[in-house]
Amino acid sequence: MYTILNINIDDSVLEFPANDELIRLAVGQSNNNKDNKQSISNDNGQTLSYGKDTAEYIDSLIQLNHFIKRYYTFFNYAKLYDNAKQNNEESVTDKFKNIALANKPRLADVGDKYIKNDLILDLFKQQSAKVK
């Protein structure tokens, strides 16, 4: 499966989509089973979620993982389109863009639990901006 997103957890990189148990293990090991409050930031260093405890943090990452898996075709082709565009591969850019747009989720259809997750909204906005 093509990697859609990398998240740094301490000195390790967790690739999404991932296995839910792998997420639990990676976060649990990084916390040494402490119940510290954690903030989640995007690639630009902008804090998306403040002070989540370990259980909330893991749940948030698992929701993100399920969202990526559910809309994998959109995320995959948005990335392929962006890569092709950057490499001036004009023969495939339109094809990738059309497939991405055809599979783009409408937030109205996504559901409350996803829309309330700042990580999901941030990833969705980033990928949507690529295919505009």
N, C-alpha and C. Protein backbone atom coordinates (compact mmCIF):
# COMPACT_ATOMS: atom_id res chain seq x y z
N MET A 1 0.84 -1.18 0.00
CA MET A 1 0.00 0.00 0.00
C MET A 1 0.89 1.25 0.00
N TYR A 2 0.49 2.23 -0.72
CA TYR A 2 1.22 3.49 -0.83
C TYR A 2 1.04 4.30 0.45
N THR A 3 2.13 4.84 0.98
CA THR A 3 2.05 5.64 2.20
C THR A 3 1.41 6.98 1.91
N ILE A 4 0.40 7.32 2.69
CA ILE A 4 -0.32 8.58 2.53
C ILE A 4 0.24 9.65 3.46
N LEU A 5 0.64 9.24 4.66
CA LEU A 5 1.04 10.20 5.67
C LEU A 5 2.05 9.57 6.61
N ASN A 6 3.05 10.33 7.02
CA ASN A 6 4.00 9.91 8.03
C ASN A 6 3.79 10.78 9.26
N ILE A 7 3.77 10.15 10.43
CA ILE A 7 3.68 10.90 11.69
C ILE A 7 4.87 10.51 12.55
N ASN A 8 5.57 11.53 13.05
CA ASN A 8 6.70 11.27 13.93
C ASN A 8 6.21 11.09 15.35
N ILE A 9 6.62 9.99 15.96
CA ILE A 9 6.32 9.72 17.36
C ILE A 9 7.66 9.49 18.03
N ASP A 10 8.09 10.49 18.79
CA ASP A 10 9.44 10.50 19.36
C ASP A 10 10.44 10.37 18.23
N ASP A 11 11.27 9.34 18.23
CA ASP A 11 12.29 9.18 17.19
C ASP A 11 11.87 8.19 16.12
N SER A 12 10.62 7.78 16.13
CA SER A 12 10.13 6.80 15.17
C SER A 12 9.14 7.45 14.22
N VAL A 13 9.04 6.88 13.03
CA VAL A 13 8.08 7.35 12.04
C VAL A 13 7.01 6.28 11.86
N LEU A 14 5.76 6.68 11.99
CA LEU A 14 4.63 5.78 11.78
C LEU A 14 3.99 6.14 10.45
N GLU A 15 3.92 5.17 9.56
CA GLU A 15 3.35 5.40 8.22
C GLU A 15 1.88 5.03 8.22
N PHE A 16 1.08 5.90 7.59
CA PHE A 16 -0.35 5.66 7.45
C PHE A 16 -0.67 5.41 5.99
N PRO A 17 -1.56 4.45 5.65
CA PRO A 17 -2.35 3.65 6.56
C PRO A 17 -1.50 2.64 7.31
N ALA A 18 -1.98 2.29 8.51
CA ALA A 18 -1.25 1.38 9.38
C ALA A 18 -2.24 0.41 10.02
N ASN A 19 -1.70 -0.51 10.76
CA ASN A 19 -2.49 -1.43 11.54
C ASN A 19 -2.83 -0.74 12.86
N ASP A 20 -4.07 -0.85 13.32
CA ASP A 20 -4.48 -0.18 14.56
C ASP A 20 -3.62 -0.60 15.74
N GLU A 21 -3.27 -1.87 15.81
CA GLU A 21 -2.46 -2.35 16.93
C GLU A 21 -1.06 -1.74 16.89
N LEU A 22 -0.55 -1.53 15.69
CA LEU A 22 0.76 -0.88 15.54
C LEU A 22 0.71 0.55 16.08
N ILE A 23 -0.39 1.23 15.85
CA ILE A 23 -0.57 2.60 16.37
C ILE A 23 -0.56 2.57 17.90
N ARG A 24 -1.33 1.63 18.46
CA ARG A 24 -1.38 1.52 19.93
C ARG A 24 0.01 1.25 20.51
N LEU A 25 0.74 0.34 19.88
CA LEU A 25 2.08 0.00 20.36
C LEU A 25 3.04 1.17 20.24
N ALA A 26 3.01 1.84 19.10
CA ALA A 26 3.94 2.96 18.88
C ALA A 26 3.71 4.09 19.87
N VAL A 27 2.46 4.44 20.09
CA VAL A 27 2.15 5.52 21.02
C VAL A 27 2.40 5.08 22.46
N GLY A 28 2.01 3.85 22.78
CA GLY A 28 2.20 3.33 24.14
C GLY A 28 3.66 3.26 24.52
N GLN A 29 4.51 2.84 23.59
CA GLN A 29 5.94 2.75 23.88
C GLN A 29 6.56 4.13 24.01
N SER A 30 6.10 5.08 23.23
CA SER A 30 6.68 6.42 23.29
C SER A 30 6.35 7.10 24.61
N ASN A 31 5.23 6.70 25.22
CA ASN A 31 4.82 7.31 26.49
C ASN A 31 5.31 6.53 27.69
N ASN A 32 5.89 5.35 27.44
CA ASN A 32 6.27 4.47 28.54
C ASN A 32 5.11 4.26 29.50
N ASN A 33 3.91 4.16 28.91
CA ASN A 33 2.67 3.94 29.66
C ASN A 33 2.36 5.04 30.67
N LYS A 34 2.90 6.23 30.49
CA LYS A 34 2.53 7.37 31.33
C LYS A 34 1.27 7.98 30.73
N ASP A 35 0.55 8.71 31.51
CA ASP A 35 -0.67 9.34 31.01
C ASP A 35 -0.42 10.83 30.82
N ASN A 36 0.63 11.16 30.08
CA ASN A 36 0.97 12.55 29.81
C ASN A 36 -0.01 13.16 28.82
N LYS A 37 -0.24 14.45 28.94
CA LYS A 37 -1.04 15.16 27.96
C LYS A 37 -0.16 15.45 26.76
N GLN A 38 -0.70 15.26 25.56
CA GLN A 38 0.08 15.45 24.34
C GLN A 38 -0.66 16.38 23.40
N SER A 39 0.12 17.13 22.65
CA SER A 39 -0.44 17.94 21.58
C SER A 39 -0.07 17.30 20.26
N ILE A 40 -0.90 17.50 19.27
CA ILE A 40 -0.66 16.95 17.95
C ILE A 40 -0.47 18.11 16.99
N SER A 41 0.61 18.08 16.22
CA SER A 41 0.91 19.16 15.29
C SER A 41 0.99 18.62 13.87
N ASN A 42 0.74 19.51 12.91
CA ASN A 42 0.89 19.10 11.52
C ASN A 42 2.32 19.37 11.05
N ASP A 43 2.58 19.14 9.76
CA ASP A 43 3.93 19.30 9.22
C ASP A 43 4.45 20.72 9.36
N ASN A 44 3.56 21.69 9.39
CA ASN A 44 3.98 23.09 9.50
C ASN A 44 4.22 23.52 10.93
N GLY A 45 4.06 22.60 11.87
CA GLY A 45 4.25 22.92 13.28
C GLY A 45 3.03 23.54 13.93
N GLN A 46 1.93 23.65 13.19
CA GLN A 46 0.69 24.21 13.73
C GLN A 46 0.03 23.16 14.62
N THR A 47 -0.29 23.54 15.86
CA THR A 47 -0.91 22.60 16.79
C THR A 47 -2.38 22.42 16.42
N LEU A 48 -2.76 21.16 16.26
CA LEU A 48 -4.12 20.84 15.86
C LEU A 48 -4.98 20.44 17.05
N SER A 49 -4.39 19.74 17.98
CA SER A 49 -5.13 19.27 19.15
C SER A 49 -4.26 19.44 20.38
N TYR A 50 -4.78 20.12 21.38
CA TYR A 50 -4.02 20.39 22.59
C TYR A 50 -4.36 19.39 23.68
N GLY A 51 -3.36 19.02 24.45
CA GLY A 51 -3.54 18.30 25.70
C GLY A 51 -4.39 17.06 25.65
N LYS A 52 -4.15 16.19 24.70
CA LYS A 52 -4.89 14.93 24.67
C LYS A 52 -4.16 13.93 25.57
N ASP A 53 -4.95 13.16 26.34
CA ASP A 53 -4.29 12.10 27.10
C ASP A 53 -4.00 10.95 26.14
N THR A 54 -3.29 9.95 26.62
CA THR A 54 -2.82 8.87 25.75
C THR A 54 -3.98 8.18 25.04
N ALA A 55 -5.05 7.89 25.75
CA ALA A 55 -6.20 7.20 25.13
C ALA A 55 -6.83 8.06 24.03
N GLU A 56 -7.00 9.36 24.28
CA GLU A 56 -7.56 10.26 23.26
C GLU A 56 -6.63 10.38 22.06
N TYR A 57 -5.34 10.44 22.33
CA TYR A 57 -4.33 10.55 21.28
C TYR A 57 -4.37 9.32 20.38
N ILE A 58 -4.40 8.14 21.00
CA ILE A 58 -4.46 6.89 20.22
C ILE A 58 -5.76 6.83 19.42
N ASP A 59 -6.88 7.17 20.06
CA ASP A 59 -8.18 7.14 19.38
C ASP A 59 -8.19 8.09 18.18
N SER A 60 -7.60 9.26 18.35
CA SER A 60 -7.54 10.25 17.27
C SER A 60 -6.74 9.71 16.09
N LEU A 61 -5.61 9.07 16.38
CA LEU A 61 -4.77 8.50 15.31
C LEU A 61 -5.47 7.32 14.63
N ILE A 62 -6.18 6.52 15.40
CA ILE A 62 -6.91 5.38 14.82
C ILE A 62 -8.05 5.87 13.93
N GLN A 63 -8.75 6.92 14.34
CA GLN A 63 -9.79 7.50 13.48
C GLN A 63 -9.17 8.00 12.18
N LEU A 64 -8.04 8.68 12.29
CA LEU A 64 -7.34 9.16 11.10
C LEU A 64 -6.97 7.99 10.19
N ASN A 65 -6.46 6.94 10.78
CA ASN A 65 -6.08 5.74 10.03
C ASN A 65 -7.28 5.15 9.29
N HIS A 66 -8.42 5.04 9.97
CA HIS A 66 -9.63 4.48 9.34
C HIS A 66 -10.12 5.39 8.22
N PHE A 67 -10.02 6.69 8.40
CA PHE A 67 -10.43 7.65 7.38
C PHE A 67 -9.55 7.49 6.12
N ILE A 68 -8.25 7.37 6.34
CA ILE A 68 -7.34 7.18 5.21
C ILE A 68 -7.66 5.87 4.48
N LYS A 69 -7.90 4.82 5.24
CA LYS A 69 -8.23 3.53 4.61
C LYS A 69 -9.55 3.61 3.84
N ARG A 70 -10.55 4.26 4.43
CA ARG A 70 -11.87 4.35 3.80
C ARG A 70 -11.81 5.15 2.49
N TYR A 71 -11.03 6.22 2.48
CA TYR A 71 -10.94 7.07 1.30
C TYR A 71 -9.56 6.97 0.65
N TYR A 72 -9.01 5.77 0.71
CA TYR A 72 -7.65 5.54 0.21
C TYR A 72 -7.49 5.95 -1.26
N THR A 73 -8.47 5.64 -2.08
CA THR A 73 -8.37 5.96 -3.52
C THR A 73 -8.19 7.47 -3.71
N PHE A 74 -8.96 8.27 -2.99
CA PHE A 74 -8.81 9.72 -3.09
C PHE A 74 -7.41 10.16 -2.66
N PHE A 75 -6.97 9.74 -1.48
CA PHE A 75 -5.66 10.17 -0.98
C PHE A 75 -4.54 9.68 -1.88
N ASN A 76 -4.62 8.46 -2.35
CA ASN A 76 -3.59 7.88 -3.19
C ASN A 76 -3.47 8.66 -4.51
N TYR A 77 -4.59 8.90 -5.18
CA TYR A 77 -4.53 9.58 -6.47
C TYR A 77 -4.25 11.07 -6.33
N ALA A 78 -4.63 11.68 -5.21
CA ALA A 78 -4.24 13.07 -4.96
C ALA A 78 -2.73 13.18 -4.84
N LYS A 79 -2.12 12.21 -4.15
CA LYS A 79 -0.65 12.20 -4.03
C LYS A 79 0.01 11.91 -5.38
N LEU A 80 -0.53 10.93 -6.10
CA LEU A 80 0.03 10.60 -7.42
C LEU A 80 -0.08 11.80 -8.36
N TYR A 81 -1.21 12.49 -8.32
CA TYR A 81 -1.40 13.69 -9.14
C TYR A 81 -0.36 14.75 -8.79
N ASP A 82 -0.21 15.01 -7.50
CA ASP A 82 0.75 16.03 -7.04
C ASP A 82 2.17 15.67 -7.46
N ASN A 83 2.55 14.41 -7.33
CA ASN A 83 3.89 13.96 -7.73
C ASN A 83 4.09 14.10 -9.24
N ALA A 84 3.09 13.70 -10.01
CA ALA A 84 3.18 13.79 -11.47
C ALA A 84 3.27 15.25 -11.91
N LYS A 85 2.50 16.10 -11.25
CA LYS A 85 2.52 17.53 -11.57
C LYS A 85 3.90 18.14 -11.29
N GLN A 86 4.47 17.78 -10.14
CA GLN A 86 5.80 18.29 -9.78
C GLN A 86 6.89 17.78 -10.72
N ASN A 87 6.69 16.59 -11.29
CA ASN A 87 7.67 16.00 -12.21
C ASN A 87 7.35 16.27 -13.67
N ASN A 88 6.38 17.15 -13.92
CA ASN A 88 5.97 17.53 -15.27
C ASN A 88 5.60 16.34 -16.15
N GLU A 89 4.91 15.37 -15.55
CA GLU A 89 4.46 14.20 -16.30
C GLU A 89 3.03 14.45 -16.78
N GLU A 90 2.92 15.31 -17.78
CA GLU A 90 1.62 15.79 -18.24
C GLU A 90 0.71 14.70 -18.79
N SER A 91 1.30 13.58 -19.23
CA SER A 91 0.48 12.51 -19.82
C SER A 91 -0.44 11.84 -18.81
N VAL A 92 -0.10 11.91 -17.52
CA VAL A 92 -0.92 11.23 -16.51
C VAL A 92 -1.57 12.16 -15.50
N THR A 93 -1.18 13.44 -15.48
CA THR A 93 -1.70 14.34 -14.44
C THR A 93 -3.23 14.45 -14.47
N ASP A 94 -3.79 14.65 -15.65
CA ASP A 94 -5.25 14.79 -15.75
C ASP A 94 -5.97 13.51 -15.32
N LYS A 95 -5.40 12.37 -15.69
CA LYS A 95 -6.01 11.09 -15.32
C LYS A 95 -6.03 10.93 -13.80
N PHE A 96 -4.89 11.19 -13.15
CA PHE A 96 -4.81 11.08 -11.69
C PHE A 96 -5.75 12.07 -11.00
N LYS A 97 -5.80 13.29 -11.52
CA LYS A 97 -6.67 14.31 -10.93
C LYS A 97 -8.13 13.90 -11.02
N ASN A 98 -8.54 13.41 -12.18
CA ASN A 98 -9.93 13.00 -12.38
C ASN A 98 -10.33 11.85 -11.46
N ILE A 99 -9.43 10.89 -11.28
CA ILE A 99 -9.72 9.76 -10.38
C ILE A 99 -9.82 10.26 -8.94
N ALA A 100 -8.90 11.15 -8.54
CA ALA A 100 -8.93 11.70 -7.18
C ALA A 100 -10.24 12.44 -6.94
N LEU A 101 -10.62 13.30 -7.86
CA LEU A 101 -11.85 14.08 -7.69
C LEU A 101 -13.10 13.20 -7.68
N ALA A 102 -13.08 12.15 -8.48
CA ALA A 102 -14.23 11.24 -8.52
C ALA A 102 -14.40 10.48 -7.21
N ASN A 103 -13.32 10.35 -6.45
CA ASN A 103 -13.36 9.60 -5.19
C ASN A 103 -13.23 10.49 -3.96
N LYS A 104 -13.29 11.80 -4.16
CA LYS A 104 -13.16 12.74 -3.05
C LYS A 104 -14.39 12.66 -2.15
N PRO A 105 -14.17 12.44 -0.86
CA PRO A 105 -15.33 12.37 0.04
C PRO A 105 -15.96 13.74 0.24
N ARG A 106 -17.26 13.75 0.35
CA ARG A 106 -17.95 14.98 0.73
C ARG A 106 -18.03 14.98 2.24
N LEU A 107 -17.59 16.06 2.87
CA LEU A 107 -17.56 16.08 4.33
C LEU A 107 -18.94 15.85 4.93
N ALA A 108 -19.98 16.21 4.21
CA ALA A 108 -21.33 15.99 4.71
C ALA A 108 -21.63 14.50 4.87
N ASP A 109 -20.95 13.67 4.08
CA ASP A 109 -21.18 12.22 4.12
C ASP A 109 -20.22 11.49 5.05
N VAL A 110 -19.26 12.20 5.59
CA VAL A 110 -18.18 11.56 6.34
C VAL A 110 -18.61 11.17 7.75
N GLY A 111 -19.38 11.98 8.41
CA GLY A 111 -19.84 11.66 9.76
C GLY A 111 -19.17 12.50 10.83
N ASP A 112 -19.90 12.72 11.91
CA ASP A 112 -19.45 13.60 12.99
C ASP A 112 -18.12 13.20 13.61
N LYS A 113 -17.93 11.92 13.87
CA LYS A 113 -16.72 11.52 14.59
C LYS A 113 -15.47 11.89 13.78
N TYR A 114 -15.58 11.86 12.46
CA TYR A 114 -14.44 12.23 11.63
C TYR A 114 -14.27 13.75 11.56
N ILE A 115 -15.38 14.45 11.37
CA ILE A 115 -15.30 15.89 11.18
C ILE A 115 -14.78 16.59 12.43
N LYS A 116 -15.01 16.02 13.60
CA LYS A 116 -14.54 16.63 14.84
C LYS A 116 -13.06 16.35 15.11
N ASN A 117 -12.42 15.55 14.26
CA ASN A 117 -11.01 15.20 14.44
C ASN A 117 -10.16 16.16 13.61
N ASP A 118 -9.42 17.05 14.29
CA ASP A 118 -8.62 18.06 13.60
C ASP A 118 -7.57 17.45 12.68
N LEU A 119 -7.04 16.29 13.03
CA LEU A 119 -6.04 15.63 12.18
C LEU A 119 -6.65 15.27 10.84
N ILE A 120 -7.87 14.77 10.87
CA ILE A 120 -8.54 14.37 9.63
C ILE A 120 -8.86 15.60 8.78
N LEU A 121 -9.38 16.64 9.41
CA LEU A 121 -9.70 17.86 8.65
C LEU A 121 -8.46 18.45 8.01
N ASP A 122 -7.35 18.46 8.74
CA ASP A 122 -6.11 19.02 8.21
C ASP A 122 -5.62 18.21 7.01
N LEU A 123 -5.61 16.89 7.13
CA LEU A 123 -5.17 16.05 6.02
C LEU A 123 -6.11 16.21 4.82
N PHE A 124 -7.41 16.23 5.08
CA PHE A 124 -8.39 16.38 4.01
C PHE A 124 -8.18 17.71 3.27
N LYS A 125 -7.97 18.79 4.03
CA LYS A 125 -7.76 20.10 3.40
C LYS A 125 -6.48 20.13 2.59
N GLN A 126 -5.40 19.54 3.13
CA GLN A 126 -4.12 19.51 2.41
C GLN A 126 -4.26 18.76 1.08
N GLN A 127 -4.89 17.58 1.12
CA GLN A 127 -5.01 16.78 -0.10
C GLN A 127 -5.99 17.42 -1.09
N SER A 128 -7.06 18.02 -0.59
CA SER A 128 -8.04 18.68 -1.47
C SER A 128 -7.41 19.85 -2.18
N ALA A 129 -6.56 20.58 -1.48
CA ALA A 129 -5.89 21.75 -2.08
C ALA A 129 -5.00 21.33 -3.24
N LYS A 130 -4.44 20.13 -3.16
CA LYS A 130 -3.55 19.64 -4.21
C LYS A 130 -4.28 19.41 -5.52
N VAL A 131 -5.55 19.02 -5.44
CA VAL A 131 -6.28 18.68 -6.67
C VAL A 131 -7.22 19.79 -7.14
N LYS A 132 -7.02 20.99 -6.64
CA LYS A 132 -7.86 22.12 -7.10
C LYS A 132 -7.39 22.58 -8.44
